[in-house]
C-alpha cells in the first residue's frame, strides 16, 4: 500500500528472494512495468502532479501547508528549533573544526585551503620547479572589513591592503625552502562578535586575528597500485615487491600528502585493496623538526634511505613521528589499504 514516485530502477533483486511479496502499490513515472508484478500493482508512466508535493528542503515550519500544520506537534517547553533559518550558512564546505571545536562564524577567522603549485596560467612561462606554492585562505566571520597588520614568510599577498569579510586572501611561498607563515589581520564589523571563549565584542570593535604555520613544501610523487590475494602485502611480500616494480594504475604529483577517505585516493583507482608509494624531498632550516605520518592501514617510511617506520599491518588511523635534523632530506613512503576508511598523511612540523 505504498505510493512510489520516480523509482528509477524499482528493485534490484539478488540472492534468495523466495517469499518476497510486492502487492497493492502504485508506481508512477516508471519507464518499464515488471511483468511479474503487473497483476497486483498499478504501474503508469505518467505523473499526477497533484500527488507530488512542492517540496522545499529549506522551508520553515510556519511555511508548511495548512493540512501539514495541523499535524505538527506542540513545541517542547524549552525545546530548540532544529531547522536552520533561511539564508543560514550551511553545507559541508562550511563545516569548520579547529582546536576549540566547531566554528560558529560569530567571530573572524582565517582558514587555509589546501595549497597548490602555480599553474601555467598563474605563473606564465616559468619552469615548473620555479613556480611558487599558492596558499589560499578563507576570511570568515560576520560581515565586515579586514586590514593587513603584518605578514612574514610569504613572497606575495593579494589583496595586500584589506578587503571584505567574508572573502579570500592568496599568498605565495617559495617552493625551495621551508618558511614560517605568519599573517596578522584586524577586523571591524557592523555586528557584535563572540569569540571562542564566549566573550562579546560590540559592533565596531577592532578585533585582531590571524594564522601561523610552519610550511615545508614537498612535491610528492605518488603512485597507486591495486593488489589481490596473490599480491597481498601482508602475506605475499615478494609478489607485492614485484607489483610495486611494475607500472602503477595512476601517478600524480601533489603539493601535500593528505589523504583521508572511504573512497579512492586518486581518480580511476580502487577504494579498497590498493597500495600507495609516495616520494619527495625537503630542505629544512636550522631548528628541530619531526616528520608526522598518519596511516590506515599499514605503512613503511624511509628517510634518506633508512627505514624509520615499519608498521606493516591492519590498523585504524595511527600517527607516527620521526625526528628530523636541519638540511636536505629525501622521503619514501609505502602504504597499503585493505578496506573501509583509508588514510595516508605526512607533514613536517617543528618539534
Protein backbone atom coordinates (compact mmCIF):
# COMPACT_ATOMS: atom_id res chain seq x y z
CA UNK A 1 0.00 0.00 0.00
CA UNK A 2 2.74 2.44 -0.98
CA UNK A 3 2.89 5.32 -3.45
CA UNK A 4 6.26 5.32 -5.27
CA UNK A 5 7.32 8.23 -7.49
CA UNK A 6 10.27 8.35 -9.91
CA UNK A 7 11.61 4.96 -8.86
CA UNK A 8 14.39 4.69 -11.45
CA UNK A 9 15.39 1.05 -11.07
CA UNK A 10 12.48 -0.15 -8.99
CA UNK A 11 14.08 -3.09 -7.25
CA UNK A 12 17.40 -4.77 -7.80
CA UNK A 13 16.98 -8.34 -6.64
CA UNK A 14 19.81 -10.61 -5.58
CA UNK A 15 20.29 -13.75 -3.56
CA UNK A 16 17.35 -15.77 -2.25
CA UNK A 17 14.09 -13.88 -2.90
CA UNK A 18 11.69 -16.70 -2.01
CA UNK A 19 8.72 -15.31 -0.13
CA UNK A 20 9.17 -11.74 -1.38
CA UNK A 21 5.76 -10.07 -1.74
CA UNK A 22 5.21 -6.79 -3.61
CA UNK A 23 1.49 -6.02 -3.81
CA UNK A 24 -1.09 -3.20 -3.70
CA UNK A 25 1.41 -0.49 -4.64
CA UNK A 26 1.08 2.36 -7.13
CA UNK A 27 4.25 3.19 -9.01
CA UNK A 28 4.32 6.33 -11.18
CA UNK A 29 6.80 7.63 -13.77
CA UNK A 30 8.28 4.19 -14.24
CA UNK A 31 9.95 3.52 -17.59
CA UNK A 32 9.02 -0.19 -17.75
CA UNK A 33 6.50 -2.38 -15.97
CA UNK A 34 7.89 -5.53 -14.28
CA UNK A 35 5.82 -8.36 -15.75
CA UNK A 36 5.76 -10.48 -12.58
CA UNK A 37 4.24 -7.66 -10.51
CA UNK A 38 1.86 -6.07 -13.02
CA UNK A 39 -1.21 -8.02 -11.88
CA UNK A 40 -1.27 -7.00 -8.21
CA UNK A 41 0.19 -3.48 -8.53
CA UNK A 42 -0.55 -0.35 -10.53
CA UNK A 43 2.16 0.95 -12.82
CA UNK A 44 1.94 4.06 -15.00
CA UNK A 45 4.38 6.21 -16.94
CA UNK A 46 2.62 9.48 -16.21
CA UNK A 47 2.61 11.67 -13.13
CA UNK A 48 -0.36 13.12 -11.33
CA UNK A 49 1.25 16.42 -10.30
CA UNK A 50 -1.36 16.80 -7.62
CA UNK A 51 0.22 13.89 -5.80
CA UNK A 52 3.76 15.29 -5.96
CA UNK A 53 4.48 17.66 -3.07
CA UNK A 54 6.08 21.01 -3.86
CA UNK A 55 8.98 20.13 -1.60
CA UNK A 56 11.30 22.84 -0.36
CA UNK A 57 14.08 21.32 1.79
CA UNK A 58 14.75 24.70 3.41
CA UNK A 59 11.11 25.56 4.17
CA UNK A 60 10.37 26.72 7.70
CA UNK A 61 7.55 25.12 9.73
CA UNK A 62 5.50 28.32 9.52
CA UNK A 63 5.53 27.98 5.72
CA UNK A 64 4.10 24.46 5.66
CA UNK A 65 0.61 23.98 4.09
CA UNK A 66 -2.36 24.19 6.48
CA UNK A 67 -3.01 20.45 6.31
CA UNK A 68 0.58 19.82 7.41
CA UNK A 69 0.42 22.44 10.15
CA UNK A 70 -2.46 20.52 11.72
CA UNK A 71 -0.19 17.50 12.17
CA UNK A 72 2.63 19.46 13.72
CA UNK A 73 3.13 18.51 17.39
CA UNK A 74 3.37 21.19 20.02
CA UNK A 75 6.85 22.51 20.68
CA UNK A 76 8.52 21.13 23.78
CA UNK A 77 8.89 23.61 26.58
CA UNK A 78 12.44 24.97 26.33
CA UNK A 79 12.99 22.94 23.15
CA UNK A 80 15.28 24.03 20.30
CA UNK A 81 14.26 24.51 16.69
CA UNK A 82 16.39 22.07 14.64
CA UNK A 83 15.78 23.90 11.36
CA UNK A 84 18.27 26.48 10.10
CA UNK A 85 16.68 29.83 9.22
CA UNK A 86 16.54 30.95 5.60
CA UNK A 87 19.90 32.28 4.42
CA UNK A 88 21.86 30.48 7.15
CA UNK A 89 25.36 29.22 6.41
CA UNK A 90 25.11 25.54 5.50
CA UNK A 91 26.87 22.74 3.60
CA UNK A 92 30.00 20.60 4.05
CA UNK A 93 32.22 23.44 2.85
CA UNK A 94 31.24 25.38 5.95
CA UNK A 95 31.83 22.61 8.48
CA UNK A 96 34.98 24.00 10.13
CA UNK A 97 36.55 22.39 13.20
CA UNK A 98 39.61 23.90 14.86
CA UNK A 99 41.38 23.27 18.17
CA UNK A 100 38.43 24.83 20.02
CA UNK A 101 35.76 22.72 18.31
CA UNK A 102 33.18 23.53 15.61
CA UNK A 103 33.45 27.08 14.30
CA UNK A 104 30.18 29.07 14.53
CA UNK A 105 31.04 32.06 12.26
CA UNK A 106 30.41 34.53 15.09
CA UNK A 107 34.00 35.84 15.14
CA UNK A 108 36.65 36.44 12.44
CA UNK A 109 38.83 33.52 11.38
CA UNK A 110 41.49 32.87 8.74
CA UNK A 111 41.17 29.31 7.42
CA UNK A 112 43.62 27.68 4.94
CA UNK A 113 42.64 25.91 1.73
CA UNK A 114 44.99 23.09 0.57
CA UNK A 115 47.98 24.66 -1.26
CA UNK A 116 48.88 24.07 -4.89
CA UNK A 117 51.76 24.86 -7.26
CA UNK A 118 51.14 27.73 -9.64
CA UNK A 119 49.60 26.67 -12.92
CA UNK A 120 50.87 27.88 -16.31
CA UNK A 121 48.04 30.42 -16.35
CA UNK A 122 49.13 31.75 -12.93
CA UNK A 123 52.90 31.69 -13.44
CA UNK A 124 53.32 32.25 -17.17
CA UNK A 125 56.31 30.73 -19.00
CA UNK A 126 58.18 29.76 -15.85
CA UNK A 127 59.81 26.32 -15.39
CA UNK A 128 57.65 24.11 -13.18
CA UNK A 129 60.33 23.80 -10.48
CA UNK A 130 60.49 27.59 -10.17
CA UNK A 131 56.74 28.10 -9.75
CA UNK A 132 55.54 29.39 -6.42
CA UNK A 133 53.37 27.50 -3.95
CA UNK A 134 49.95 29.15 -3.74
CA UNK A 135 48.26 29.14 -0.34
CA UNK A 136 44.71 30.46 -0.21
CA UNK A 137 42.82 31.46 2.94
CA UNK A 138 39.15 31.94 3.58
CA UNK A 139 38.47 35.10 5.59
CA UNK A 140 35.40 34.13 7.60
CA UNK A 141 33.14 35.75 10.16
CA UNK A 142 30.23 38.19 10.40
CA UNK A 143 30.06 40.75 7.54
CA UNK A 144 32.72 43.41 7.93
CA UNK A 145 36.13 44.58 6.74
CA UNK A 146 39.65 43.29 7.34
CA UNK A 147 43.04 45.01 7.14
CA UNK A 148 46.50 43.51 6.99
CA UNK A 149 48.59 44.31 10.06
CA UNK A 150 51.71 42.25 9.28
CA UNK A 151 52.89 39.35 7.10
CA UNK A 152 56.05 37.24 7.06
CA UNK A 153 57.20 34.03 5.41
CA UNK A 154 55.43 34.84 2.15
CA UNK A 155 56.62 36.12 -1.22
CA UNK A 156 53.39 37.90 -2.19
CA UNK A 157 49.98 38.55 -0.68
CA UNK A 158 46.80 39.50 -2.54
CA UNK A 159 44.99 41.67 -1.67
CA UNK A 160 47.60 43.33 0.50
CA UNK A 161 45.65 46.31 1.79
CA UNK A 162 42.43 44.70 3.01
CA UNK A 163 39.05 43.51 1.90
CA UNK A 164 35.60 42.26 2.77
CA UNK A 165 34.54 39.61 5.25
CA UNK A 166 33.67 37.03 4.09
CA UNK A 167 36.39 36.96 1.46
CA UNK A 168 39.70 35.39 0.45
CA UNK A 169 43.43 36.04 0.70
CA UNK A 170 46.02 34.41 -1.54
CA UNK A 171 49.72 34.23 -0.68
CA UNK A 172 52.65 32.62 -2.44
CA UNK A 173 55.67 30.96 -0.84
CA UNK A 174 58.92 29.71 -2.30
CA UNK A 175 58.92 26.04 -3.40
CA UNK A 176 62.60 25.67 -2.42
CA UNK A 177 62.59 26.44 1.28
CA UNK A 178 60.56 25.97 4.42
CA UNK A 179 59.03 29.07 5.97
CA UNK A 180 57.08 30.28 8.98
CA UNK A 181 53.92 31.80 7.55
CA UNK A 182 52.58 34.48 9.88
CA UNK A 183 49.62 36.62 8.84
CA UNK A 184 48.10 39.07 11.30
CA UNK A 185 44.91 40.95 10.45
CA UNK A 186 42.34 43.19 12.11
CA UNK A 187 38.56 43.02 11.69
CA UNK A 188 35.85 45.64 12.11
CA UNK A 189 32.18 44.85 11.53
CA UNK A 190 28.67 46.16 11.98
CA UNK A 191 27.65 43.29 14.24
CA UNK A 192 28.64 42.18 17.71
CA UNK A 193 31.02 39.21 17.70
CA UNK A 194 31.50 36.39 20.19
CA UNK A 195 34.89 34.69 20.38
CA UNK A 196 35.61 31.01 21.10
CA UNK A 197 35.54 31.73 24.86
CA UNK A 198 32.10 33.34 24.62
CA UNK A 199 33.34 36.89 25.16
CA UNK A 200 31.20 39.54 23.45
CA UNK A 201 32.74 42.36 21.42
CA UNK A 202 30.48 45.23 20.41
CA UNK A 203 29.93 46.22 16.79
CA UNK A 204 32.71 48.47 15.50
CA UNK A 205 35.34 46.99 17.83
CA UNK A 206 38.69 46.29 16.15
CA UNK A 207 39.45 42.60 16.64
CA UNK A 208 42.85 41.05 15.85
CA UNK A 209 43.01 37.62 14.24
CA UNK A 210 45.48 35.71 12.12
CA UNK A 211 47.22 32.50 11.14
CA UNK A 212 50.60 30.95 11.94
CA UNK A 213 52.04 27.80 10.47
CA UNK A 214 55.38 26.28 9.60
CA UNK A 215 55.20 25.20 5.95
CA UNK A 216 57.75 22.87 4.40
CA UNK A 217 56.81 22.47 0.71
CA UNK A 218 57.23 18.95 -0.67
CA UNK A 219 56.35 17.94 -4.23
CA UNK A 220 55.10 14.41 -3.57
CA UNK A 221 55.39 11.92 -6.44
CA UNK A 222 52.53 9.48 -5.88
CA UNK A 223 51.83 6.08 -7.47
CA UNK A 224 48.80 3.88 -6.78
CA UNK A 225 48.63 0.11 -7.35
CA UNK A 226 45.85 -2.43 -6.99
CA UNK A 227 46.53 -5.73 -5.17
CA UNK A 228 44.73 -9.05 -4.70
CA UNK A 229 45.19 -12.30 -2.79
CA UNK A 230 48.21 -13.24 -4.93
CA UNK A 231 49.97 -9.94 -4.20
CA UNK A 232 48.67 -9.35 -0.65
CA UNK A 233 51.22 -7.04 1.04
CA UNK A 234 50.77 -8.87 4.36
CA UNK A 235 51.22 -12.46 3.20
CA UNK A 236 52.95 -12.28 -0.20
CA UNK A 237 55.90 -9.90 0.31
CA UNK A 238 57.88 -10.95 -2.77
CA UNK A 239 54.86 -10.79 -5.07
CA UNK A 240 53.96 -7.41 -3.61
CA UNK A 241 57.51 -6.16 -4.19
CA UNK A 242 57.23 -7.24 -7.83
CA UNK A 243 53.88 -5.46 -8.10
CA UNK A 244 55.43 -2.16 -6.99
CA UNK A 245 58.20 -2.59 -9.56
CA UNK A 246 55.62 -2.73 -12.35
CA UNK A 247 53.57 0.06 -13.88
CA UNK A 248 51.14 1.73 -11.41
CA UNK A 249 47.48 2.31 -12.12
CA UNK A 250 47.89 6.07 -11.75
CA UNK A 251 50.71 8.52 -10.99
CA UNK A 252 50.32 12.09 -9.78
CA UNK A 253 52.21 14.99 -8.22
CA UNK A 254 50.70 16.68 -5.18
CA UNK A 255 51.89 19.58 -3.04
CA UNK A 256 50.64 17.86 0.10
CA UNK A 257 50.11 14.28 1.21
CA UNK A 258 46.76 14.50 2.97
CA UNK A 259 44.50 11.58 2.07
CA UNK A 260 41.66 10.52 4.34
CA UNK A 261 38.60 8.90 2.75
CA UNK A 262 36.35 5.87 2.43
CA UNK A 263 36.82 6.14 -1.33
CA UNK A 264 39.89 6.15 -3.55
CA UNK A 265 42.92 8.42 -3.14
CA UNK A 266 43.13 9.33 -6.84
CA UNK A 267 40.68 9.14 -9.77
CA UNK A 268 40.42 5.81 -11.58
CA UNK A 269 41.88 3.84 -8.68
CA UNK A 270 40.16 1.36 -6.32
CA UNK A 271 38.71 2.29 -2.95
CA UNK A 272 39.84 -0.98 -1.34
CA UNK A 273 42.86 -3.26 -1.70
CA UNK A 274 45.25 -0.69 -3.06
CA UNK A 275 48.80 0.38 -2.30
CA UNK A 276 50.41 3.81 -2.43
CA UNK A 277 54.03 4.80 -2.90
CA UNK A 278 54.95 8.45 -2.28
CA UNK A 279 58.36 10.10 -2.50
CA UNK A 280 59.58 13.65 -2.02
CA UNK A 281 62.37 15.84 -0.65
CA UNK A 282 62.78 18.92 1.52
CA UNK A 283 65.44 21.35 2.67
CA UNK A 284 64.97 22.35 6.33
CA UNK A 285 66.44 25.44 8.04
CA UNK A 286 68.11 25.44 11.43
CA UNK A 287 65.93 24.07 14.20
CA UNK A 288 64.32 20.85 15.40
CA UNK A 289 61.64 19.13 13.34
CA UNK A 290 59.60 15.95 13.10
CA UNK A 291 58.05 14.08 10.21
CA UNK A 292 54.50 13.15 11.22
CA UNK A 293 52.90 10.28 9.29
CA UNK A 294 49.33 9.01 9.74
CA UNK A 295 48.36 5.72 8.13
CA UNK A 296 45.36 3.39 7.75
CA UNK A 297 46.24 0.59 7.15
CA UNK A 298 49.96 -0.28 7.02
CA UNK A 299 52.91 1.96 6.22
CA UNK A 300 56.69 1.89 5.88
CA UNK A 301 58.76 5.07 5.82
CA UNK A 302 62.33 5.70 4.71
CA UNK A 303 64.27 8.91 5.41
CA UNK A 304 67.48 9.28 3.40
CA UNK A 305 67.31 5.57 2.58
CA UNK A 306 66.93 4.43 6.20
CA UNK A 307 63.77 2.58 7.23
CA UNK A 308 62.49 4.61 10.21
CA UNK A 309 58.86 3.39 10.43
CA UNK A 310 57.74 -0.21 9.80
CA UNK A 311 54.08 -0.65 10.80
CA UNK A 312 53.03 -3.13 8.12
CA UNK A 313 49.70 -4.40 9.47
CA UNK A 314 45.98 -3.73 9.75
CA UNK A 315 45.23 -0.62 11.82
CA UNK A 316 42.91 2.33 12.12
CA UNK A 317 44.32 5.82 11.54
CA UNK A 318 47.53 5.88 13.60
CA UNK A 319 50.12 8.65 13.76
CA UNK A 320 53.89 8.09 13.96
CA UNK A 321 56.66 10.69 14.30
CA UNK A 322 60.31 10.70 13.28
CA UNK A 323 62.83 13.41 14.35
CA UNK A 324 64.50 15.38 11.54
CA UNK A 325 67.66 17.47 11.57
CA UNK A 326 68.24 20.65 9.53
CA UNK A 327 69.29 20.25 5.92
CA UNK A 328 68.16 18.21 2.92
CA UNK A 329 66.15 15.00 3.33
CA UNK A 330 64.61 12.50 0.91
CA UNK A 331 61.47 10.56 1.84
CA UNK A 332 59.81 7.40 0.61
CA UNK A 333 56.52 6.06 1.98
CA UNK A 334 54.85 2.75 1.16
CA UNK A 335 51.24 2.26 2.26
CA UNK A 336 48.53 -0.33 1.81
CA UNK A 337 44.78 -0.24 2.36
CA UNK A 338 42.60 -3.29 2.99
CA UNK A 339 39.05 -1.93 3.00
CA UNK A 340 36.81 0.69 4.61
CA UNK A 341 38.34 4.01 5.62
CA UNK A 342 41.83 4.77 4.29
CA UNK A 343 44.36 7.39 5.35
CA UNK A 344 47.84 8.49 4.37
CA UNK A 345 49.04 11.84 5.63
CA UNK A 346 52.54 13.26 6.00
CA UNK A 347 53.60 16.65 7.31
CA UNK A 348 56.74 18.23 8.71
CA UNK A 349 56.27 20.14 11.95
CA UNK A 350 58.50 21.97 14.37
CA UNK A 351 59.50 19.81 17.31
